[in-house]
Amino acid sequence: MEIITIPVTAFAQNCRIVICKQTRQAAVIDPGGDVEKIIAELAKHSLKLQCILLTHGHLDHVGAAKILAEHFAVDIVGPQQDELFWFDALPMQAQMFGFAPVTPFYPQHWLNDGDIFPLGELRFEIRHCPGHTPGHIVFYEAKQQLVIVGDVIFKGSVGRTDFPKGDAQQLLASIKQQILTLPDETKILSGHGPDTKVVAERISNPFIRGKFG
């Protein structure tokens, strides 16, 4: 696997281009904006885009999804269907976050907990992690020992729960059940900020340390 990280928008959201080395097939995960930068990076590496994958429906993670999908004639896939209301609310989000006006759009395919999403020879297990938003999912690739987590957990922090339908206790339960159960050396690729590892967050993350026996 190869991963190209492109920070996009004023929120410095980590858009990821995930590439299967064997097939050169690629997916873009959470294209929040700056569509020209993403297209240029795909062209630079001569990649064949297969789909757009989304962890959740916040605008800083989905803002360029529709344009990219139409440009490359690919589907938008994920998150889980409980996220529908955030896609309905895209115009409100644009106003709230200071983005240009956006009309609602929707994924062609929703994903559910336990689904396996293939990309070339890669196999991503879908884990439903509500709390930051109700339909939030993460993408776990066991052989590659990494998980792409959107805004569930960060290095030394966790996702906000003060947005509509956020739930702090639910978020902590998701982290306990879906992230901290992964092998210690699993690399965590978050939607903002630097990468980390499961063992580091289990030991030192002040938002979760001591909360789980």
Foldseek 3Di string as FASTA:
>chain_A
DDWDWDQDDPQRWTWIWDADPVPLETEIEQQLDPVVVVVVVCVVVVGQYAEYEYQAQQNSRCVCRVVVCVVNVHFYEDDAPLRVVSLCCQQVNCVVVVHDGDHRDDTPYYDDQQDWDDTPPWTWGWHQQAALHRRGIKTDTQVVLEIEGEQLDDQLGGHDQPDPRHHNVSSLVSCVPPPLPGDFARWYHYRDDDIDTSVNCQPHNPSRDPVDD
